[in-house]
Amino acid sequence: MKFICYPKCTICQKAKKWLDEKGVTYELRDIKENNPSYDELKKWYKHSGLPLKKFFNTSGLLYKSMELKNKLPNMSEDEQLKLLSTDGMLVKRPLLISNDTVLVGFKEKEYEELFK
């Protein structure tokens, strides 16, 4: 299981605490230091079943400064994935990835459901 996060993010800290309290074993990866690649993002996106927009950190400063709210609708899926792979700060976090699941963001109910 991979837990991809930005250590300074409070939501990521909550998710990490939850995983630690439940005794879940995971590989920690700092999204700012080790940005997901295009191929990883494409695989996770396809596997998640979520709309690609859910992978964007829409509340992030970089997203806002790049005015992506207006640009994304005119970009192809491939262009969006390439953009996401340029900077980890564009990616919504945390990402929790196992062989059969991709969770984007931290919703305690989703985590509980996964670890029943």
PDB file of N, CA and C in Angstrom:
ATOM      1  N   MET A   1       0.836  -1.165   0.000  1.00  0.00           N
ATOM      2  CA  MET A   1       0.000   0.000   0.000  1.00  0.00           C
ATOM      3  C   MET A   1       0.889   1.238   0.000  1.00  0.00           C
ATOM      4  N   LYS A   2       0.549   2.178  -0.861  1.00  0.00           N
ATOM      5  CA  LYS A   2       1.293   3.445  -0.917  1.00  0.00           C
ATOM      6  C   LYS A   2       0.433   4.552  -0.332  1.00  0.00           C
ATOM      7  N   PHE A   3       1.048   5.383   0.494  1.00  0.00           N
ATOM      8  CA  PHE A   3       0.390   6.559   1.044  1.00  0.00           C
ATOM      9  C   PHE A   3       1.192   7.764   0.549  1.00  0.00           C
ATOM     10  N   ILE A   4       0.592   8.499  -0.387  1.00  0.00           N
ATOM     11  CA  ILE A   4       1.293   9.618  -1.014  1.00  0.00           C
ATOM     12  C   ILE A   4       0.688  10.902  -0.464  1.00  0.00           C
ATOM     13  N   CYS A   5       1.540  11.715   0.140  1.00  0.00           N
ATOM     14  CA  CYS A   5       1.025  12.900   0.824  1.00  0.00           C
ATOM     15  C   CYS A   5       2.032  14.046   0.791  1.00  0.00           C
ATOM     16  N   TYR A   6       1.567  15.170   1.293  1.00  0.00           N
ATOM     17  CA  TYR A   6       2.430  16.322   1.537  1.00  0.00           C
ATOM     18  C   TYR A   6       2.469  16.461   3.054  1.00  0.00           C
ATOM     19  N   PRO A   7       3.613  16.173   3.690  1.00  0.00           N
ATOM     20  CA  PRO A   7       3.685  16.107   5.144  1.00  0.00           C
ATOM     21  C   PRO A   7       3.188  17.362   5.898  1.00  0.00           C
ATOM     22  N   LYS A   8       3.239  18.522   5.259  1.00  0.00           N
ATOM     23  CA  LYS A   8       2.788  19.747   5.937  1.00  0.00           C
ATOM     24  C   LYS A   8       1.273  19.952   5.848  1.00  0.00           C
ATOM     25  N   CYS A   9       0.611  19.139   5.031  1.00  0.00           N
ATOM     26  CA  CYS A   9      -0.840  19.248   4.826  1.00  0.00           C
ATOM     27  C   CYS A   9      -1.578  18.652   6.033  1.00  0.00           C
ATOM     28  N   THR A  10      -2.486  19.416   6.621  1.00  0.00           N
ATOM     29  CA  THR A  10      -3.197  18.940   7.816  1.00  0.00           C
ATOM     30  C   THR A  10      -4.111  17.746   7.508  1.00  0.00           C
ATOM     31  N   ILE A  11      -4.715  17.727   6.333  1.00  0.00           N
ATOM     32  CA  ILE A  11      -5.567  16.586   5.958  1.00  0.00           C
ATOM     33  C   ILE A  11      -4.711  15.324   5.830  1.00  0.00           C
ATOM     34  N   CYS A  12      -3.536  15.470   5.231  1.00  0.00           N
ATOM     35  CA  CYS A  12      -2.614  14.336   5.115  1.00  0.00           C
ATOM     36  C   CYS A  12      -2.191  13.844   6.500  1.00  0.00           C
ATOM     37  N   GLN A  13      -1.940  14.779   7.404  1.00  0.00           N
ATOM     38  CA  GLN A  13      -1.552  14.413   8.766  1.00  0.00           C
ATOM     39  C   GLN A  13      -2.667  13.627   9.458  1.00  0.00           C
ATOM     40  N   LYS A  14      -3.922  14.052   9.247  1.00  0.00           N
ATOM     41  CA  LYS A  14      -5.068  13.336   9.828  1.00  0.00           C
ATOM     42  C   LYS A  14      -5.157  11.922   9.268  1.00  0.00           C
ATOM     43  N   ALA A  15      -4.996  11.799   7.949  1.00  0.00           N
ATOM     44  CA  ALA A  15      -5.068  10.486   7.302  1.00  0.00           C
ATOM     45  C   ALA A  15      -3.948   9.575   7.804  1.00  0.00           C
ATOM     46  N   LYS A  16      -2.746  10.124   7.922  1.00  0.00           N
ATOM     47  CA  LYS A  16      -1.599   9.341   8.398  1.00  0.00           C
ATOM     48  C   LYS A  16      -1.834   8.872   9.826  1.00  0.00           C
ATOM     49  N   LYS A  17      -2.351   9.765  10.654  1.00  0.00           N
ATOM     50  CA  LYS A  17      -2.655   9.418  12.045  1.00  0.00           C
ATOM     51  C   LYS A  17      -3.685   8.284  12.084  1.00  0.00           C
ATOM     52  N   TRP A  18      -4.709   8.386  11.244  1.00  0.00           N
ATOM     53  CA  TRP A  18      -5.749   7.353  11.180  1.00  0.00           C
ATOM     54  C   TRP A  18      -5.129   6.000  10.822  1.00  0.00           C
ATOM     55  N   LEU A  19      -4.305   5.993   9.768  1.00  0.00           N
ATOM     56  CA  LEU A  19      -3.652   4.753   9.331  1.00  0.00           C
ATOM     57  C   LEU A  19      -2.767   4.177  10.438  1.00  0.00           C
ATOM     58  N   ASP A  20      -1.995   5.049  11.090  1.00  0.00           N
ATOM     59  CA  ASP A  20      -1.100   4.606  12.162  1.00  0.00           C
ATOM     60  C   ASP A  20      -1.877   4.028  13.341  1.00  0.00           C
ATOM     61  N   GLU A  21      -2.979   4.683  13.704  1.00  0.00           N
ATOM     62  CA  GLU A  21      -3.796   4.205  14.822  1.00  0.00           C
ATOM     63  C   GLU A  21      -4.434   2.849  14.524  1.00  0.00           C
ATOM     64  N   LYS A  22      -4.712   2.591  13.247  1.00  0.00           N
ATOM     65  CA  LYS A  22      -5.315   1.310  12.850  1.00  0.00           C
ATOM     66  C   LYS A  22      -4.259   0.241  12.578  1.00  0.00           C
ATOM     67  N   GLY A  23      -2.991   0.629  12.670  1.00  0.00           N
ATOM     68  CA  GLY A  23      -1.906  -0.323  12.457  1.00  0.00           C
ATOM     69  C   GLY A  23      -1.714  -0.730  11.006  1.00  0.00           C
ATOM     70  N   VAL A  24      -2.103   0.151  10.101  1.00  0.00           N
ATOM     71  CA  VAL A  24      -1.968  -0.141   8.674  1.00  0.00           C
ATOM     72  C   VAL A  24      -0.517   0.068   8.232  1.00  0.00           C
ATOM     73  N   THR A  25       0.007  -0.888   7.511  1.00  0.00           N
ATOM     74  CA  THR A  25       1.363  -0.796   6.982  1.00  0.00           C
ATOM     75  C   THR A  25       1.304  -0.147   5.601  1.00  0.00           C
ATOM     76  N   TYR A  26       2.153   0.833   5.373  1.00  0.00           N
ATOM     77  CA  TYR A  26       2.155   1.538   4.095  1.00  0.00           C
ATOM     78  C   TYR A  26       3.544   2.092   3.805  1.00  0.00           C
ATOM     79  N   GLU A  27       3.734   2.395   2.532  1.00  0.00           N
ATOM     80  CA  GLU A  27       4.964   3.040   2.078  1.00  0.00           C
ATOM     81  C   GLU A  27       4.645   4.529   1.935  1.00  0.00           C
ATOM     82  N   LEU A  28       5.346   5.361   2.676  1.00  0.00           N
ATOM     83  CA  LEU A  28       5.111   6.806   2.668  1.00  0.00           C
ATOM     84  C   LEU A  28       5.912   7.465   1.542  1.00  0.00           C
ATOM     85  N   ARG A  29       5.251   8.354   0.831  1.00  0.00           N
ATOM     86  CA  ARG A  29       5.918   9.074  -0.263  1.00  0.00           C
ATOM     87  C   ARG A  29       5.499  10.535  -0.208  1.00  0.00           C
ATOM     88  N   ASP A  30       6.489  11.415  -0.182  1.00  0.00           N
ATOM     89  CA  ASP A  30       6.249  12.861  -0.172  1.00  0.00           C
ATOM     90  C   ASP A  30       5.990  13.317  -1.608  1.00  0.00           C
ATOM     91  N   ILE A  31       4.786  13.820  -1.841  1.00  0.00           N
ATOM     92  CA  ILE A  31       4.365  14.176  -3.197  1.00  0.00           C
ATOM     93  C   ILE A  31       5.140  15.364  -3.764  1.00  0.00           C
ATOM     94  N   LYS A  32       5.679  16.195  -2.886  1.00  0.00           N
ATOM     95  CA  LYS A  32       6.437  17.356  -3.362  1.00  0.00           C
ATOM     96  C   LYS A  32       7.848  16.932  -3.800  1.00  0.00           C
ATOM     97  N   GLU A  33       8.420  15.990  -3.067  1.00  0.00           N
ATOM     98  CA  GLU A  33       9.776  15.519  -3.387  1.00  0.00           C
ATOM     99  C   GLU A  33       9.784  14.448  -4.481  1.00  0.00           C
ATOM    100  N   ASN A  34       8.701  13.684  -4.552  1.00  0.00           N
ATOM    101  CA  ASN A  34       8.643  12.569  -5.496  1.00  0.00           C
ATOM    102  C   ASN A  34       7.283  12.608  -6.193  1.00  0.00           C
ATOM    103  N   ASN A  35       7.181  13.508  -7.143  1.00  0.00           N
ATOM    104  CA  ASN A  35       5.932  13.744  -7.861  1.00  0.00           C
ATOM    105  C   ASN A  35       5.494  12.510  -8.648  1.00  0.00           C
ATOM    106  N   PRO A  36       4.191  12.193  -8.612  1.00  0.00           N
ATOM    107  CA  PRO A  36       3.721  11.073  -9.424  1.00  0.00           C
ATOM    108  C   PRO A  36       4.003  11.314 -10.908  1.00  0.00           C
ATOM    109  N   SER A  37       4.382  10.258 -11.594  1.00  0.00           N
ATOM    110  CA  SER A  37       4.670  10.351 -13.028  1.00  0.00           C
ATOM    111  C   SER A  37       3.373  10.317 -13.831  1.00  0.00           C
ATOM    112  N   TYR A  38       3.485  10.650 -15.080  1.00  0.00           N
ATOM    113  CA  TYR A  38       2.345  10.592 -16.002  1.00  0.00           C
ATOM    114  C   TYR A  38       1.747   9.180 -16.005  1.00  0.00           C
ATOM    115  N   ASP A  39       2.607   8.184 -16.122  1.00  0.00           N
ATOM    116  CA  ASP A  39       2.129   6.794 -16.190  1.00  0.00           C
ATOM    117  C   ASP A  39       1.432   6.367 -14.905  1.00  0.00           C
ATOM    118  N   GLU A  40       1.994   6.768 -13.753  1.00  0.00           N
ATOM    119  CA  GLU A  40       1.354   6.444 -12.477  1.00  0.00           C
ATOM    120  C   GLU A  40      -0.023   7.096 -12.388  1.00  0.00           C
ATOM    121  N   LEU A  41      -0.074   8.376 -12.699  1.00  0.00           N
ATOM    122  CA  LEU A  41      -1.339   9.112 -12.615  1.00  0.00           C
ATOM    123  C   LEU A  41      -2.395   8.514 -13.549  1.00  0.00           C
ATOM    124  N   LYS A  42      -1.974   8.165 -14.743  1.00  0.00           N
ATOM    125  CA  LYS A  42      -2.914   7.581 -15.709  1.00  0.00           C
ATOM    126  C   LYS A  42      -3.466   6.254 -15.184  1.00  0.00           C
ATOM    127  N   LYS A  43      -2.596   5.432 -14.646  1.00  0.00           N
ATOM    128  CA  LYS A  43      -2.988   4.134 -14.092  1.00  0.00           C
ATOM    129  C   LYS A  43      -3.946   4.323 -12.911  1.00  0.00           C
ATOM    130  N   TRP A  44      -3.593   5.218 -11.987  1.00  0.00           N
ATOM    131  CA  TRP A  44      -4.432   5.448 -10.807  1.00  0.00           C
ATOM    132  C   TRP A  44      -5.792   6.024 -11.194  1.00  0.00           C
ATOM    133  N   TYR A  45      -5.778   6.955 -12.125  1.00  0.00           N
ATOM    134  CA  TYR A  45      -7.016   7.578 -12.595  1.00  0.00           C
ATOM    135  C   TYR A  45      -7.940   6.510 -13.189  1.00  0.00           C
ATOM    136  N   LYS A  46      -7.419   5.686 -14.080  1.00  0.00           N
ATOM    137  CA  LYS A  46      -8.226   4.632 -14.716  1.00  0.00           C
ATOM    138  C   LYS A  46      -8.753   3.651 -13.666  1.00  0.00           C
ATOM    139  N   HIS A  47      -7.903   3.324 -12.699  1.00  0.00           N
ATOM    140  CA  HIS A  47      -8.243   2.351 -11.671  1.00  0.00           C
ATOM    141  C   HIS A  47      -9.265   2.903 -10.662  1.00  0.00           C
ATOM    142  N   SER A  48      -9.250   4.210 -10.458  1.00  0.00           N
ATOM    143  CA  SER A  48     -10.098   4.827  -9.419  1.00  0.00           C
ATOM    144  C   SER A  48     -11.573   4.890  -9.796  1.00  0.00           C
ATOM    145  N   GLY A  49     -11.828   5.034 -11.103  1.00  0.00           N
ATOM    146  CA  GLY A  49     -13.204   5.218 -11.541  1.00  0.00           C
ATOM    147  C   GLY A  49     -13.726   6.632 -11.297  1.00  0.00           C
ATOM    148  N   LEU A  50     -12.856   7.510 -10.847  1.00  0.00           N
ATOM    149  CA  LEU A  50     -13.237   8.898 -10.558  1.00  0.00           C
ATOM    150  C   LEU A  50     -13.032   9.786 -11.783  1.00  0.00           C
ATOM    151  N   PRO A  51     -13.752  10.910 -11.839  1.00  0.00           N
ATOM    152  CA  PRO A  51     -13.457  11.889 -12.899  1.00  0.00           C
ATOM    153  C   PRO A  51     -12.038  12.432 -12.675  1.00  0.00           C
ATOM    154  N   LEU A  52     -11.339  12.754 -13.739  1.00  0.00           N
ATOM    155  CA  LEU A  52      -9.960  13.238 -13.631  1.00  0.00           C
ATOM    156  C   LEU A  52      -9.859  14.508 -12.788  1.00  0.00           C
ATOM    157  N   LYS A  53     -10.887  15.341 -12.835  1.00  0.00           N
ATOM    158  CA  LYS A  53     -10.878  16.588 -12.053  1.00  0.00           C
ATOM    159  C   LYS A  53     -10.676  16.319 -10.553  1.00  0.00           C
ATOM    160  N   LYS A  54     -11.095  15.151 -10.083  1.00  0.00           N
ATOM    161  CA  LYS A  54     -10.944  14.803  -8.659  1.00  0.00           C
ATOM    162  C   LYS A  54      -9.482  14.642  -8.262  1.00  0.00           C
ATOM    163  N   PHE A  55      -8.601  14.501  -9.234  1.00  0.00           N
ATOM    164  CA  PHE A  55      -7.173  14.354  -8.940  1.00  0.00           C
ATOM    165  C   PHE A  55      -6.474  15.709  -8.806  1.00  0.00           C
ATOM    166  N   PHE A  56      -7.182  16.782  -9.114  1.00  0.00           N
ATOM    167  CA  PHE A  56      -6.587  18.117  -8.993  1.00  0.00           C
ATOM    168  C   PHE A  56      -6.850  18.700  -7.609  1.00  0.00           C
ATOM    169  N   ASN A  57      -5.825  19.317  -7.047  1.00  0.00           N
ATOM    170  CA  ASN A  57      -5.933  20.003  -5.766  1.00  0.00           C
ATOM    171  C   ASN A  57      -6.539  21.387  -6.033  1.00  0.00           C
ATOM    172  N   THR A  58      -7.862  21.420  -6.142  1.00  0.00           N
ATOM    173  CA  THR A  58      -8.558  22.649  -6.553  1.00  0.00           C
ATOM    174  C   THR A  58      -8.483  23.758  -5.512  1.00  0.00           C
ATOM    175  N   SER A  59      -8.101  23.434  -4.282  1.00  0.00           N
ATOM    176  CA  SER A  59      -7.971  24.482  -3.271  1.00  0.00           C
ATOM    177  C   SER A  59      -6.529  24.974  -3.133  1.00  0.00           C
ATOM    178  N   GLY A  60      -5.635  24.405  -3.929  1.00  0.00           N
ATOM    179  CA  GLY A  60      -4.220  24.767  -3.846  1.00  0.00           C
ATOM    180  C   GLY A  60      -3.887  26.092  -4.505  1.00  0.00           C
ATOM    181  N   LEU A  61      -2.843  26.710  -4.007  1.00  0.00           N
ATOM    182  CA  LEU A  61      -2.401  28.004  -4.530  1.00  0.00           C
ATOM    183  C   LEU A  61      -1.953  27.905  -5.985  1.00  0.00           C
ATOM    184  N   LEU A  62      -1.264  26.819  -6.320  1.00  0.00           N
ATOM    185  CA  LEU A  62      -0.768  26.652  -7.686  1.00  0.00           C
ATOM    186  C   LEU A  62      -1.936  26.512  -8.667  1.00  0.00           C
ATOM    187  N   TYR A  63      -2.932  25.723  -8.297  1.00  0.00           N
ATOM    188  CA  TYR A  63      -4.129  25.534  -9.124  1.00  0.00           C
ATOM    189  C   TYR A  63      -4.785  26.884  -9.400  1.00  0.00           C
ATOM    190  N   LYS A  64      -4.903  27.671  -8.337  1.00  0.00           N
ATOM    191  CA  LYS A  64      -5.557  28.982  -8.459  1.00  0.00           C
ATOM    192  C   LYS A  64      -4.704  29.963  -9.272  1.00  0.00           C
ATOM    193  N   SER A  65      -3.402  29.979  -9.007  1.00  0.00           N
ATOM    194  CA  SER A  65      -2.537  30.930  -9.712  1.00  0.00           C
ATOM    195  C   SER A  65      -2.451  30.621 -11.206  1.00  0.00           C
ATOM    196  N   MET A  66      -2.627  29.341 -11.560  1.00  0.00           N
ATOM    197  CA  MET A  66      -2.585  28.941 -12.968  1.00  0.00           C
ATOM    198  C   MET A  66      -3.967  29.077 -13.633  1.00  0.00           C
ATOM    199  N   GLU A  67      -4.939  29.498 -12.838  1.00  0.00           N
ATOM    200  CA  GLU A  67      -6.321  29.673 -13.325  1.00  0.00           C
ATOM    201  C   GLU A  67      -6.844  28.417 -14.022  1.00  0.00           C
ATOM    202  N   LEU A  68      -6.585  27.268 -13.383  1.00  0.00           N
ATOM    203  CA  LEU A  68      -6.955  25.992 -13.993  1.00  0.00           C
ATOM    204  C   LEU A  68      -8.461  25.746 -14.002  1.00  0.00           C
ATOM    205  N   LYS A  69      -9.172  26.413 -13.128  1.00  0.00           N
ATOM    206  CA  LYS A  69     -10.629  26.258 -13.118  1.00  0.00           C
ATOM    207  C   LYS A  69     -11.205  26.564 -14.508  1.00  0.00           C
ATOM    208  N   ASN A  70     -10.641  27.575 -15.156  1.00  0.00           N
ATOM    209  CA  ASN A  70     -11.109  27.980 -16.479  1.00  0.00           C
ATOM    210  C   ASN A  70     -10.446  27.193 -17.609  1.00  0.00           C
ATOM    211  N   LYS A  71      -9.241  26.680 -17.366  1.00  0.00           N
ATOM    212  CA  LYS A  71      -8.480  26.017 -18.424  1.00  0.00           C
ATOM    213  C   LYS A  71      -8.780  24.523 -18.570  1.00  0.00           C
ATOM    214  N   LEU A  72      -9.033  23.843 -17.449  1.00  0.00           N
ATOM    215  CA  LEU A  72      -9.215  22.383 -17.489  1.00  0.00           C
ATOM    216  C   LEU A  72     -10.318  21.925 -18.435  1.00  0.00           C
ATOM    217  N   PRO A  73     -11.478  22.598 -18.455  1.00  0.00           N
ATOM    218  CA  PRO A  73     -12.542  22.119 -19.344  1.00  0.00           C
ATOM    219  C   PRO A  73     -12.144  22.076 -20.829  1.00  0.00           C
ATOM    220  N   ASN A  74     -11.160  22.877 -21.210  1.00  0.00           N
ATOM    221  CA  ASN A  74     -10.718  22.925 -22.608  1.00  0.00           C
ATOM    222  C   ASN A  74      -9.501  22.042 -22.891  1.00  0.00           C
ATOM    223  N   MET A  75      -9.040  21.332 -21.863  1.00  0.00           N
ATOM    224  CA  MET A  75      -7.856  20.481 -22.021  1.00  0.00           C
ATOM    225  C   MET A  75      -8.278  19.025 -22.201  1.00  0.00           C
ATOM    226  N   SER A  76      -7.517  18.298 -22.996  1.00  0.00           N
ATOM    227  CA  SER A  76      -7.782  16.866 -23.161  1.00  0.00           C
ATOM    228  C   SER A  76      -7.355  16.132 -21.892  1.00  0.00           C
ATOM    229  N   GLU A  77      -7.820  14.902 -21.778  1.00  0.00           N
ATOM    230  CA  GLU A  77      -7.430  14.054 -20.650  1.00  0.00           C
ATOM    231  C   GLU A  77      -5.909  13.909 -20.613  1.00  0.00           C
ATOM    232  N   ASP A  78      -5.309  13.689 -21.763  1.00  0.00           N
ATOM    233  CA  ASP A  78      -3.864  13.528 -21.849  1.00  0.00           C
ATOM    234  C   ASP A  78      -3.137  14.798 -21.386  1.00  0.00           C
ATOM    235  N   GLU A  79      -3.612  15.958 -21.807  1.00  0.00           N
ATOM    236  CA  GLU A  79      -3.001  17.239 -21.390  1.00  0.00           C
ATOM    237  C   GLU A  79      -3.133  17.430 -19.882  1.00  0.00           C
ATOM    238  N   GLN A  80      -4.270  17.052 -19.330  1.00  0.00           N
ATOM    239  CA  GLN A  80      -4.473  17.194 -17.885  1.00  0.00           C
ATOM    240  C   GLN A  80      -3.533  16.270 -17.109  1.00  0.00           C
ATOM    241  N   LEU A  81      -3.383  15.049 -17.568  1.00  0.00           N
ATOM    242  CA  LEU A  81      -2.467  14.110 -16.903  1.00  0.00           C
ATOM    243  C   LEU A  81      -1.025  14.597 -16.984  1.00  0.00           C
ATOM    244  N   LYS A  82      -0.639  15.120 -18.148  1.00  0.00           N
ATOM    245  CA  LYS A  82       0.721  15.665 -18.295  1.00  0.00           C
ATOM    246  C   LYS A  82       0.935  16.832 -17.340  1.00  0.00           C
ATOM    247  N   LEU A  83      -0.064  17.701 -17.219  1.00  0.00           N
ATOM    248  CA  LEU A  83       0.021  18.844 -16.311  1.00  0.00           C
ATOM    249  C   LEU A  83       0.145  18.371 -14.863  1.00  0.00           C
ATOM    250  N   LEU A  84      -0.679  17.419 -14.465  1.00  0.00           N
ATOM    251  CA  LEU A  84      -0.617  16.881 -13.099  1.00  0.00           C
ATOM    252  C   LEU A  84       0.763  16.316 -12.778  1.00  0.00           C
ATOM    253  N   SER A  85       1.391  15.716 -13.769  1.00  0.00           N
ATOM    254  CA  SER A  85       2.692  15.079 -13.538  1.00  0.00           C
ATOM    255  C   SER A  85       3.847  16.084 -13.444  1.00  0.00           C
ATOM    256  N   THR A  86       3.563  17.362 -13.698  1.00  0.00           N
ATOM    257  CA  THR A  86       4.635  18.364 -13.638  1.00  0.00           C
ATOM    258  C   THR A  86       4.918  18.849 -12.217  1.00  0.00           C
ATOM    259  N   ASP A  87       3.919  18.760 -11.317  1.00  0.00           N
ATOM    260  CA  ASP A  87       4.098  19.300  -9.970  1.00  0.00           C
ATOM    261  C   ASP A  87       3.142  18.619  -8.996  1.00  0.00           C
ATOM    262  N   GLY A  88       3.709  17.990  -7.972  1.00  0.00           N
ATOM    263  CA  GLY A  88       2.903  17.288  -6.971  1.00  0.00           C
ATOM    264  C   GLY A  88       1.904  18.174  -6.254  1.00  0.00           C
ATOM    265  N   MET A  89       2.175  19.478  -6.235  1.00  0.00           N
ATOM    266  CA  MET A  89       1.270  20.384  -5.533  1.00  0.00           C
ATOM    267  C   MET A  89      -0.049  20.590  -6.304  1.00  0.00           C
ATOM    268  N   LEU A  90      -0.097  20.146  -7.540  1.00  0.00           N
ATOM    269  CA  LEU A  90      -1.343  20.207  -8.312  1.00  0.00           C
ATOM    270  C   LEU A  90      -2.262  19.017  -8.003  1.00  0.00           C
ATOM    271  N   VAL A  91      -1.680  17.974  -7.406  1.00  0.00           N
ATOM    272  CA  VAL A  91      -2.404  16.730  -7.176  1.00  0.00           C
ATOM    273  C   VAL A  91      -3.108  16.751  -5.823  1.00  0.00           C
ATOM    274  N   LYS A  92      -4.387  16.363  -5.828  1.00  0.00           N
ATOM    275  CA  LYS A  92      -5.134  16.259  -4.573  1.00  0.00           C
ATOM    276  C   LYS A  92      -4.502  15.170  -3.740  1.00  0.00           C
ATOM    277  N   ARG A  93      -4.423  15.418  -2.477  1.00  0.00           N
ATOM    278  CA  ARG A  93      -3.786  14.473  -1.570  1.00  0.00           C
ATOM    279  C   ARG A  93      -4.559  14.371  -0.266  1.00  0.00           C
ATOM    280  N   PRO A  94      -4.323  13.325   0.476  1.00  0.00           N
ATOM    281  CA  PRO A  94      -3.423  12.213   0.197  1.00  0.00           C
ATOM    282  C   PRO A  94      -4.012  11.253  -0.834  1.00  0.00           C
ATOM    283  N   LEU A  95      -3.127  10.448  -1.372  1.00  0.00           N
ATOM    284  CA  LEU A  95      -3.528   9.341  -2.245  1.00  0.00           C
ATOM    285  C   LEU A  95      -3.183   8.052  -1.496  1.00  0.00           C
ATOM    286  N   LEU A  96      -4.141   7.162  -1.430  1.00  0.00           N
ATOM    287  CA  LEU A  96      -3.905   5.863  -0.812  1.00  0.00           C
ATOM    288  C   LEU A  96      -4.116   4.821  -1.906  1.00  0.00           C
ATOM    289  N   ILE A  97      -3.063   4.092  -2.214  1.00  0.00           N
ATOM    290  CA  ILE A  97      -3.101   3.202  -3.365  1.00  0.00           C
ATOM    291  C   ILE A  97      -2.729   1.784  -2.959  1.00  0.00           C
ATOM    292  N   SER A  98      -3.636   0.864  -3.280  1.00  0.00           N
ATOM    293  CA  SER A  98      -3.351  -0.556  -3.090  1.00  0.00           C
ATOM    294  C   SER A  98      -3.546  -1.230  -4.445  1.00  0.00           C
ATOM    295  N   ASN A  99      -3.421  -2.535  -4.479  1.00  0.00           N
ATOM    296  CA  ASN A  99      -3.567  -3.259  -5.752  1.00  0.00           C
ATOM    297  C   ASN A  99      -4.936  -3.075  -6.378  1.00  0.00           C
ATOM    298  N   ASP A 100      -5.972  -2.946  -5.545  1.00  0.00           N
ATOM    299  CA  ASP A 100      -7.318  -2.877  -6.095  1.00  0.00           C
ATOM    300  C   ASP A 100      -8.089  -1.606  -5.746  1.00  0.00           C
ATOM    301  N   THR A 101      -7.444  -0.646  -5.090  1.00  0.00           N
ATOM    302  CA  THR A 101      -8.137   0.568  -4.670  1.00  0.00           C
ATOM    303  C   THR A 101      -7.268   1.806  -4.827  1.00  0.00           C
ATOM    304  N   VAL A 102      -7.914   2.904  -5.226  1.00  0.00           N
ATOM    305  CA  VAL A 102      -7.258   4.216  -5.245  1.00  0.00           C
ATOM    306  C   VAL A 102      -8.195   5.186  -4.539  1.00  0.00           C
ATOM    307  N   LEU A 103      -7.746   5.716  -3.405  1.00  0.00           N
ATOM    308  CA  LEU A 103      -8.531   6.721  -2.683  1.00  0.00           C
ATOM    309  C   LEU A 103      -7.836   8.072  -2.834  1.00  0.00           C
ATOM    310  N   VAL A 104      -8.615   9.083  -3.179  1.00  0.00           N
ATOM    311  CA  VAL A 104      -8.086  10.433  -3.383  1.00  0.00           C
ATOM    312  C   VAL A 104      -8.680  11.332  -2.307  1.00  0.00           C
ATOM    313  N   GLY A 105      -7.793  12.018  -1.559  1.00  0.00           N
ATOM    314  CA  GLY A 105      -8.272  12.827  -0.444  1.00  0.00           C
ATOM    315  C   GLY A 105      -8.489  11.927   0.759  1.00  0.00           C
ATOM    316  N   PHE A 106      -8.941  12.512   1.864  1.00  0.00           N
ATOM    317  CA  PHE A 106      -9.182  11.715   3.071  1.00  0.00           C
ATOM    318  C   PHE A 106     -10.620  11.875   3.514  1.00  0.00           C
ATOM    319  N   LYS A 107     -11.352  10.782   3.361  1.00  0.00           N
ATOM    320  CA  LYS A 107     -12.703  10.699   3.903  1.00  0.00           C
ATOM    321  C   LYS A 107     -12.689   9.473   4.808  1.00  0.00           C
ATOM    322  N   GLU A 108     -12.871   9.717   6.091  1.00  0.00           N
ATOM    323  CA  GLU A 108     -12.742   8.644   7.073  1.00  0.00           C
ATOM    324  C   GLU A 108     -13.622   7.435   6.729  1.00  0.00           C
ATOM    325  N   LYS A 109     -14.826   7.684   6.244  1.00  0.00           N
ATOM    326  CA  LYS A 109     -15.727   6.568   5.895  1.00  0.00           C
ATOM    327  C   LYS A 109     -15.134   5.683   4.803  1.00  0.00           C
ATOM    328  N   GLU A 110     -14.509   6.301   3.798  1.00  0.00           N
ATOM    329  CA  GLU A 110     -13.870   5.525   2.730  1.00  0.00           C
ATOM    330  C   GLU A 110     -12.741   4.676   3.268  1.00  0.00           C
ATOM    331  N   TYR A 111     -11.946   5.258   4.178  1.00  0.00           N
ATOM    332  CA  TYR A 111     -10.834   4.519   4.766  1.00  0.00           C
ATOM    333  C   TYR A 111     -11.369   3.357   5.606  1.00  0.00           C
ATOM    334  N   GLU A 112     -12.408   3.625   6.401  1.00  0.00           N
ATOM    335  CA  GLU A 112     -12.997   2.565   7.228  1.00  0.00           C
ATOM    336  C   GLU A 112     -13.526   1.429   6.360  1.00  0.00           C
ATOM    337  N   GLU A 113     -14.182   1.790   5.269  1.00  0.00           N
ATOM    338  CA  GLU A 113     -14.739   0.798   4.341  1.00  0.00           C
ATOM    339  C   GLU A 113     -13.622  -0.081   3.756  1.00  0.00           C
ATOM    340  N   LEU A 114     -12.519   0.540   3.410  1.00  0.00           N
ATOM    341  CA  LEU A 114     -11.396  -0.192   2.819  1.00  0.00           C
ATOM    342  C   LEU A 114     -10.778  -1.186   3.800  1.00  0.00           C
ATOM    343  N   PHE A 115     -10.740  -0.813   5.081  1.00  0.00           N
ATOM    344  CA  PHE A 115     -10.039  -1.645   6.075  1.00  0.00           C
ATOM    345  C   PHE A 115     -10.985  -2.423   6.983  1.00  0.00           C
ATOM    346  N   LYS A 116     -12.200  -2.693   6.514  1.00  0.00           N
ATOM    347  CA  LYS A 116     -13.140  -3.506   7.320  1.00  0.00           C
ATOM    348  C   LYS A 116     -12.586  -4.875   7.571  1.00  0.00           C
TER     349      LYS A 116
END
